[in-house]
């Protein structure tokens, strides 16, 4: 069985993420979306909220599951018997960073390879940080995130405004 892991913080999930998820789900028998619980960052959404949003957005994909993890990605991949890590690339600058990570992961666990998918052109500029910033200023994010995420982003941004005036 070919098992892939598509890791990320998904804070929030974007249409670019979903593009990679839909396309990569056709390349493996099982795709695990690994939602990183990174204690070094201050995310907009909790891990549980990010998992829920991804589950809702991918409910029509039978071979996709969403799980949170912390620690090393290669350890998570090994725990899940995954043989491939899937990473999305938006621009050449992404590649430089991702190549280093892929080579490091392969050195730590040679049983796991990394597969790079370029995002579709219409999503090449979309990132979670752009969505958060546009949402914080009340801009239209409907072209960047799935419908189930739009109101949640605005609500979280309003909550942030109240706590950080």
C-alpha atoms as a PDB file:
ATOM      1  CA  UNK A   1       0.000   0.000   0.000  1.00  0.00           C
ATOM      2  CA  UNK A   2       1.343   3.458  -0.928  1.00  0.00           C
ATOM      3  CA  UNK A   3       0.823   5.786   2.007  1.00  0.00           C
ATOM      4  CA  UNK A   4       1.614   9.471   1.731  1.00  0.00           C
ATOM      5  CA  UNK A   5       1.814  12.227   4.289  1.00  0.00           C
ATOM      6  CA  UNK A   6       1.063  15.817   3.360  1.00  0.00           C
ATOM      7  CA  UNK A   7       2.270  17.875   6.325  1.00  0.00           C
ATOM      8  CA  UNK A   8       1.703  21.493   7.207  1.00  0.00           C
ATOM      9  CA  UNK A   9       0.381  23.932   9.731  1.00  0.00           C
ATOM     10  CA  UNK A  10      -2.735  24.700   7.630  1.00  0.00           C
ATOM     11  CA  UNK A  11      -3.417  27.860   9.625  1.00  0.00           C
ATOM     12  CA  UNK A  12      -5.849  28.103   7.855  1.00  0.00           C
ATOM     13  CA  UNK A  13      -6.198  25.586   5.036  1.00  0.00           C
ATOM     14  CA  UNK A  14      -6.179  27.358   1.652  1.00  0.00           C
ATOM     15  CA  UNK A  15      -7.396  26.466  -1.813  1.00  0.00           C
ATOM     16  CA  UNK A  16      -3.739  25.947  -2.701  1.00  0.00           C
ATOM     17  CA  UNK A  17      -3.487  23.286   0.014  1.00  0.00           C
ATOM     18  CA  UNK A  18      -6.659  21.649  -1.274  1.00  0.00           C
ATOM     19  CA  UNK A  19      -5.269  21.655  -4.812  1.00  0.00           C
ATOM     20  CA  UNK A  20      -2.255  19.656  -3.619  1.00  0.00           C
ATOM     21  CA  UNK A  21      -4.453  17.394  -1.467  1.00  0.00           C
ATOM     22  CA  UNK A  22      -6.827  16.514  -4.302  1.00  0.00           C
ATOM     23  CA  UNK A  23      -4.019  15.882  -6.759  1.00  0.00           C
ATOM     24  CA  UNK A  24      -1.824  13.895  -4.385  1.00  0.00           C
ATOM     25  CA  UNK A  25      -4.762  11.771  -3.175  1.00  0.00           C
ATOM     26  CA  UNK A  26      -4.807  10.280  -6.683  1.00  0.00           C
ATOM     27  CA  UNK A  27      -1.147   9.254  -6.411  1.00  0.00           C
ATOM     28  CA  UNK A  28      -1.353   7.207  -3.220  1.00  0.00           C
ATOM     29  CA  UNK A  29      -3.660   4.599  -1.753  1.00  0.00           C
ATOM     30  CA  UNK A  30      -3.965   6.547   1.486  1.00  0.00           C
ATOM     31  CA  UNK A  31      -3.142  10.194   2.142  1.00  0.00           C
ATOM     32  CA  UNK A  32      -2.629  11.389   5.687  1.00  0.00           C
ATOM     33  CA  UNK A  33      -2.839  15.120   6.124  1.00  0.00           C
ATOM     34  CA  UNK A  34      -0.485  15.790   9.019  1.00  0.00           C
ATOM     35  CA  UNK A  35      -1.410  18.942  10.907  1.00  0.00           C
ATOM     36  CA  UNK A  36       1.684  20.152  12.691  1.00  0.00           C
ATOM     37  CA  UNK A  37       1.358  21.192  16.303  1.00  0.00           C
ATOM     38  CA  UNK A  38       4.277  23.627  16.363  1.00  0.00           C
ATOM     39  CA  UNK A  39       4.810  25.033  19.845  1.00  0.00           C
ATOM     40  CA  UNK A  40       7.245  27.633  18.438  1.00  0.00           C
ATOM     41  CA  UNK A  41       4.447  29.405  16.556  1.00  0.00           C
ATOM     42  CA  UNK A  42       1.347  31.249  17.724  1.00  0.00           C
ATOM     43  CA  UNK A  43      -1.304  29.958  15.326  1.00  0.00           C
ATOM     44  CA  UNK A  44      -4.596  31.675  14.610  1.00  0.00           C
ATOM     45  CA  UNK A  45      -6.444  28.353  15.020  1.00  0.00           C
ATOM     46  CA  UNK A  46      -5.922  25.536  17.492  1.00  0.00           C
ATOM     47  CA  UNK A  47      -4.755  22.175  16.176  1.00  0.00           C
ATOM     48  CA  UNK A  48      -8.227  20.765  16.778  1.00  0.00           C
ATOM     49  CA  UNK A  49      -9.837  23.567  14.763  1.00  0.00           C
ATOM     50  CA  UNK A  50      -7.395  23.071  11.884  1.00  0.00           C
ATOM     51  CA  UNK A  51      -8.046  19.313  11.864  1.00  0.00           C
ATOM     52  CA  UNK A  52     -11.811  19.920  11.813  1.00  0.00           C
ATOM     53  CA  UNK A  53     -11.593  22.431   8.953  1.00  0.00           C
ATOM     54  CA  UNK A  54      -9.486  20.001   6.901  1.00  0.00           C
ATOM     55  CA  UNK A  55     -11.822  17.086   7.639  1.00  0.00           C
ATOM     56  CA  UNK A  56     -14.773  19.147   6.443  1.00  0.00           C
ATOM     57  CA  UNK A  57     -12.933  20.347   3.321  1.00  0.00           C
ATOM     58  CA  UNK A  58     -11.810  16.829   2.335  1.00  0.00           C
ATOM     59  CA  UNK A  59     -14.879  14.817   3.359  1.00  0.00           C
ATOM     60  CA  UNK A  60     -15.471  13.728  -0.246  1.00  0.00           C
ATOM     61  CA  UNK A  61     -12.030  12.096  -0.520  1.00  0.00           C
ATOM     62  CA  UNK A  62     -12.361   8.514   0.714  1.00  0.00           C
ATOM     63  CA  UNK A  63      -8.632   7.815   0.947  1.00  0.00           C
ATOM     64  CA  UNK A  64      -7.784  10.951   2.968  1.00  0.00           C
ATOM     65  CA  UNK A  65      -7.499  11.155   6.753  1.00  0.00           C
ATOM     66  CA  UNK A  66      -6.476  14.112   8.879  1.00  0.00           C
ATOM     67  CA  UNK A  67      -4.318  13.749  11.982  1.00  0.00           C
ATOM     68  CA  UNK A  68      -2.280  16.093  14.133  1.00  0.00           C
ATOM     69  CA  UNK A  69       1.323  15.452  15.061  1.00  0.00           C
ATOM     70  CA  UNK A  70       4.277  17.053  16.743  1.00  0.00           C
ATOM     71  CA  UNK A  71       7.939  16.242  16.598  1.00  0.00           C
ATOM     72  CA  UNK A  72       9.842  15.181  13.516  1.00  0.00           C
ATOM     73  CA  UNK A  73       7.893  14.649  10.333  1.00  0.00           C
ATOM     74  CA  UNK A  74       9.932  11.572   9.391  1.00  0.00           C
ATOM     75  CA  UNK A  75       9.095   9.986  12.741  1.00  0.00           C
ATOM     76  CA  UNK A  76       5.386  10.644  12.097  1.00  0.00           C
ATOM     77  CA  UNK A  77       5.709   9.215   8.580  1.00  0.00           C
ATOM     78  CA  UNK A  78       7.456   6.122   9.958  1.00  0.00           C
ATOM     79  CA  UNK A  79       4.788   5.692  12.639  1.00  0.00           C
ATOM     80  CA  UNK A  80       2.106   5.785   9.921  1.00  0.00           C
ATOM     81  CA  UNK A  81       4.050   3.410   7.611  1.00  0.00           C
ATOM     82  CA  UNK A  82       4.202   6.153   4.977  1.00  0.00           C
ATOM     83  CA  UNK A  83       6.754   5.855   2.217  1.00  0.00           C
ATOM     84  CA  UNK A  84       6.290   9.309   0.718  1.00  0.00           C
ATOM     85  CA  UNK A  85       6.053  12.862   2.012  1.00  0.00           C
ATOM     86  CA  UNK A  86       4.208  15.243  -0.269  1.00  0.00           C
ATOM     87  CA  UNK A  87       5.144  18.896  -0.395  1.00  0.00           C
ATOM     88  CA  UNK A  88       3.620  21.686  -2.438  1.00  0.00           C
ATOM     89  CA  UNK A  89       5.796  24.241  -4.172  1.00  0.00           C
ATOM     90  CA  UNK A  90       4.533  27.694  -5.107  1.00  0.00           C
ATOM     91  CA  UNK A  91       7.772  29.275  -6.302  1.00  0.00           C
ATOM     92  CA  UNK A  92      11.468  28.553  -6.759  1.00  0.00           C
ATOM     93  CA  UNK A  93      12.137  30.065  -3.331  1.00  0.00           C
ATOM     94  CA  UNK A  94      10.008  27.291  -1.798  1.00  0.00           C
ATOM     95  CA  UNK A  95      12.140  24.694  -3.572  1.00  0.00           C
ATOM     96  CA  UNK A  96      15.418  25.790  -1.990  1.00  0.00           C
ATOM     97  CA  UNK A  97      14.019  25.417   1.520  1.00  0.00           C
ATOM     98  CA  UNK A  98      12.029  22.262   0.784  1.00  0.00           C
ATOM     99  CA  UNK A  99      15.013  20.555  -0.857  1.00  0.00           C
ATOM    100  CA  UNK A 100      17.069  20.959   2.317  1.00  0.00           C
ATOM    101  CA  UNK A 101      14.255  19.549   4.421  1.00  0.00           C
ATOM    102  CA  UNK A 102      13.694  16.636   2.013  1.00  0.00           C
ATOM    103  CA  UNK A 103      17.379  15.736   2.015  1.00  0.00           C
ATOM    104  CA  UNK A 104      17.551  15.930   5.795  1.00  0.00           C
ATOM    105  CA  UNK A 105      14.448  13.760   6.146  1.00  0.00           C
ATOM    106  CA  UNK A 106      15.856  11.198   3.714  1.00  0.00           C
ATOM    107  CA  UNK A 107      19.135  11.087   5.653  1.00  0.00           C
ATOM    108  CA  UNK A 108      17.226  10.452   8.887  1.00  0.00           C
ATOM    109  CA  UNK A 109      14.914   7.864   7.299  1.00  0.00           C
ATOM    110  CA  UNK A 110      15.970   6.552   3.857  1.00  0.00           C
ATOM    111  CA  UNK A 111      12.697   4.593   3.546  1.00  0.00           C
ATOM    112  CA  UNK A 112      10.770   7.846   3.074  1.00  0.00           C
ATOM    113  CA  UNK A 113      11.038   9.914  -0.103  1.00  0.00           C
ATOM    114  CA  UNK A 114       9.667  13.385  -0.770  1.00  0.00           C
ATOM    115  CA  UNK A 115       7.449  14.142  -3.742  1.00  0.00           C
ATOM    116  CA  UNK A 116       7.144  17.778  -4.813  1.00  0.00           C
ATOM    117  CA  UNK A 117       3.972  18.996  -6.510  1.00  0.00           C
ATOM    118  CA  UNK A 118       3.836  22.462  -7.968  1.00  0.00           C
ATOM    119  CA  UNK A 119       0.645  24.250  -7.105  1.00  0.00           C
ATOM    120  CA  UNK A 120      -1.707  25.138  -9.896  1.00  0.00           C
ATOM    121  CA  UNK A 121      -1.008  28.599 -11.293  1.00  0.00           C
ATOM    122  CA  UNK A 122      -4.210  30.104  -9.904  1.00  0.00           C
ATOM    123  CA  UNK A 123      -3.029  29.340  -6.351  1.00  0.00           C
ATOM    124  CA  UNK A 124       0.681  30.101  -6.694  1.00  0.00           C
ATOM    125  CA  UNK A 125       0.426  33.312  -4.647  1.00  0.00           C
ATOM    126  CA  UNK A 126      -1.896  32.012  -1.914  1.00  0.00           C
ATOM    127  CA  UNK A 127      -0.501  31.316   1.535  1.00  0.00           C
ATOM    128  CA  UNK A 128      -2.007  30.980   4.986  1.00  0.00           C
ATOM    129  CA  UNK A 129      -0.133  34.074   6.147  1.00  0.00           C
ATOM    130  CA  UNK A 130      -1.601  36.142   3.287  1.00  0.00           C
ATOM    131  CA  UNK A 131      -5.084  34.868   4.178  1.00  0.00           C
ATOM    132  CA  UNK A 132      -4.587  35.810   7.833  1.00  0.00           C
ATOM    133  CA  UNK A 133      -3.383  39.300   6.947  1.00  0.00           C
ATOM    134  CA  UNK A 134      -6.157  39.990   4.427  1.00  0.00           C
ATOM    135  CA  UNK A 135      -8.715  38.621   6.898  1.00  0.00           C
ATOM    136  CA  UNK A 136      -7.326  40.759   9.713  1.00  0.00           C
ATOM    137  CA  UNK A 137      -8.068  43.875   7.671  1.00  0.00           C
ATOM    138  CA  UNK A 138     -11.505  42.653   6.598  1.00  0.00           C
ATOM    139  CA  UNK A 139     -10.523  41.970   2.996  1.00  0.00           C
ATOM    140  CA  UNK A 140     -12.221  39.403   0.781  1.00  0.00           C
ATOM    141  CA  UNK A 141     -10.704  35.961   1.376  1.00  0.00           C
ATOM    142  CA  UNK A 142     -13.357  33.956  -0.465  1.00  0.00           C
ATOM    143  CA  UNK A 143     -10.979  33.341  -3.385  1.00  0.00           C
ATOM    144  CA  UNK A 144      -8.264  31.959  -1.098  1.00  0.00           C
ATOM    145  CA  UNK A 145      -9.923  29.502   1.286  1.00  0.00           C
ATOM    146  CA  UNK A 146     -12.708  26.907   1.117  1.00  0.00           C
ATOM    147  CA  UNK A 147     -16.207  28.106   2.012  1.00  0.00           C
ATOM    148  CA  UNK A 148     -16.181  26.292   5.376  1.00  0.00           C
ATOM    149  CA  UNK A 149     -13.203  28.398   6.489  1.00  0.00           C
ATOM    150  CA  UNK A 150     -14.181  31.952   5.485  1.00  0.00           C
ATOM    151  CA  UNK A 151     -16.353  32.900   8.465  1.00  0.00           C
ATOM    152  CA  UNK A 152     -14.015  31.167  10.895  1.00  0.00           C
ATOM    153  CA  UNK A 153     -11.085  33.315   9.728  1.00  0.00           C
ATOM    154  CA  UNK A 154     -13.071  36.540  10.101  1.00  0.00           C
ATOM    155  CA  UNK A 155     -14.280  35.499  13.552  1.00  0.00           C
ATOM    156  CA  UNK A 156     -10.748  34.662  14.747  1.00  0.00           C
ATOM    157  CA  UNK A 157      -9.411  37.924  13.333  1.00  0.00           C
ATOM    158  CA  UNK A 158     -12.076  39.878  15.236  1.00  0.00           C
ATOM    159  CA  UNK A 159     -11.160  37.993  18.408  1.00  0.00           C
ATOM    160  CA  UNK A 160      -7.508  38.895  17.831  1.00  0.00           C
ATOM    161  CA  UNK A 161      -8.409  42.568  17.427  1.00  0.00           C
ATOM    162  CA  UNK A 162     -10.201  42.521  20.779  1.00  0.00           C
ATOM    163  CA  UNK A 163      -7.256  40.918  22.602  1.00  0.00           C
ATOM    164  CA  UNK A 164      -4.549  42.932  20.755  1.00  0.00           C
ATOM    165  CA  UNK A 165      -6.013  46.415  20.121  1.00  0.00           C
END
